[in-house]
Every structure is written in C-alpha cells, then in structure tokens.
C-alpha cells in the first residue's frame, strides 16, 4: 500500500464527506461525483434509481464480465447531525492526530473512498474475475436502496461469487449480524373530559400499557435464546419515541409510539410482533374499548431488515479471511444490507475500516491507519482475483 494511494483515499474521503447525503436528502450529487470519477478512469457505471428519481444506487464493474467476481458494497447516505455538538463542521473533513473527522467518515464513506482510490490498481491488475463496485442509498433508514441493484446480478450482470459489505468492523470479518425491524403502533381512542372517563377512551393510557408490555417482553428475550457471539447475546426490543394527547384534562384521542426489534439470526420479527399483538388483543384493546366501542390499536411494520446468518466455510468467509491478518470471524449487533445480498443467494460478509463505536455520533471519525489497512486488504483482493 503506497503513501500516494493513502493520500488519494483521504482526498476522495474529503470530497465524499462534503456532500450532505443525509438520508432525507437526494444522494444524486454524490452519485454524479462517483460517476464522473469512474468516467475519468474510463469506467462506465449504471444507476438504479428509486421510484421518485431523486436517489439512486450505482454499479460499476472492473475486469472481465464473468461470474465469480467480488462485490464491494457500501452506502452513500449518512445519519443526521441536528442536535449534535461537533468540534468542527460535520460536512468538512478535519484531519487531526491520525484521525479523519466528518459525518460518514466511519459509516461508511471511508470504505467508499478506499474502493475508489483503488480503481487504477484494479484496472492495472490482470483480473480473471471482476470487481463490482456497488454504492446504495437509504441504508440508514430502510436498507432497501440496494435491492434493485442486487436483482441485476445473475440476470443482466454477472453473478458474483462473494460480497464484501464495508461497514465498520475494524477490518475484522463479520459473518453474522442481527436483523432490525422498525414498527409504529397507533392507538386511536375517544376524547372526553378527564373528570368523566366513562365517556371516552384514553389512547395514552392504552399506549402506556402496550409500551409496558414491550418492556416486559424485552426482559423475557434477555433470558434467551442466547448467542454469545453477539453483544448483547440476545434479541432486543426498544421503544424510542411516543407522542399523543391534547391536554392534561382531556382523555387522549390519539397516541403513537415507534419501536424496534433486533433479532438474532433465526429469531424472526414476526415472533415479537405476534407476542405484542397477543397482549393488544387480550388486554390493551379490551381495556380501551370498555366504555366506547370504536377505539383501535394498529401496528404497522415499516422496515424489516433481514439478519446475516453465519455460513461457515462460505466463499465470502474463506476469501476475506485469506485477505486479512485475522483467522477468525466475528458477529456484530448492528444491521446492514448484507442480509439482502445473502437472501439473494450471494455469500456475504461484513468487513470495513473504522469502529461502529464512532458511528452516528458527533465528531465521528475514522483512523487513517484503518484506511491503510483497508487499502492493503483491497490490494490483496486484486492479487487474489488475478490468479
């Protein structure tokens, strides 16, 4: 790994961080930058736009258009910075004491910068199997931005033999992660004066009942099933937001709360949802409708990201372990797009620069040494695919 290549990766990272690609914004400016960069190196790329056309995933292939190559997958979107106190501007990279600061530096524009910096090296290699560069959108919200692109593989694009999703793992090879599902429950009650509760139905009280049950179920999941590879070693339930009511002396007409489930591989979202729904049907809804028959409690599953299940000895695991100093795999508790690749039958692992401990925080950073380790990994990949 040359000093020039590291300098190029840092320069590209600075450009990528400068794009405000928070998930509620269009990512087309950063996509256009990547397209122009690839075109300047003589590479064609292909967009997979979303339905409204304001976002897109992008795919480029280096090497022969044959099956058995490797996908290097990342996402272009980042989480918001509102309400966070930063020591410097979040969308301007700051280089200090071996750390590169900025929103997305770790999660996960650092990986994208390394991949782009390696393009000339990939092109100079005598690749016998291709390298596919895949960059998606909306990973931080739905993880669905990669699905159209994934559908191309094996249809009108060569079918890869392995996928490396470059989320931050300190360049360790993660072969498993939890699922994540986000849900919203809306309680619709009936307004009445708080002095006369028999004339109404308090949506806030009913929501509190369900939230309390979710807390109880969370404690039940702590008992098992357990998998010591994960931290924590159990599936988790969590209520993150709740809002409702009009005034303290009015029985609330409506209350909504947002919650999530993160399941170990093999523990399905439907199981948690069914347990909550059983409480709603047996306890919460009868309490809510004891005086008025019209109130309702409805839960919508908004996002359901599949887990990545360990596949010992898979092509992706075998390859990436050979390319890194590590001789073991790890599991991570955060979710990625890896589950979608795996669901499409593509062997997949997670391996990228930086620590998830720095992600989503003010003064997010990636260590320069981690970029160097990623570039070394990618250099080894080019050599491997040239054999």
Foldseek 3Di string as FASTA:
>chain_A
DDPVLLVQLLVVLQVLLLDQQAQVAQPVVVVVVLQVLCVVVVWHKDWDADPVRRYTKMKTKAADQAEAAEEEEAESHFHDCPPADAPDAQSGWDDDDQKTWHTCQQRPVSLVSLVSSCVVVLNPFQFPHMYMYIYFGDFVPFLCRCQVVLVCDPPVGDHHQEYEYAHADQQFWAQWEWKKWKKKKKKFKAKDFLVCPLVIFARVVLVVVLQVVLVVVQVVQLVDDFDVLEVVRGKGKFWDDKDWADDPGMRTRMMMTMMMIIGGVVDDPVVSVVVSVVCCVPPSVCNRPVRPPPIDMDMDTDHIAHIRDGDPPGPHVVLSCVLAVDPDHGYYHDGGSQSSSVVSVHRYIYGHFDDCVQGPHHRRITGSVRSVRSSSSVSSSSVVSSD
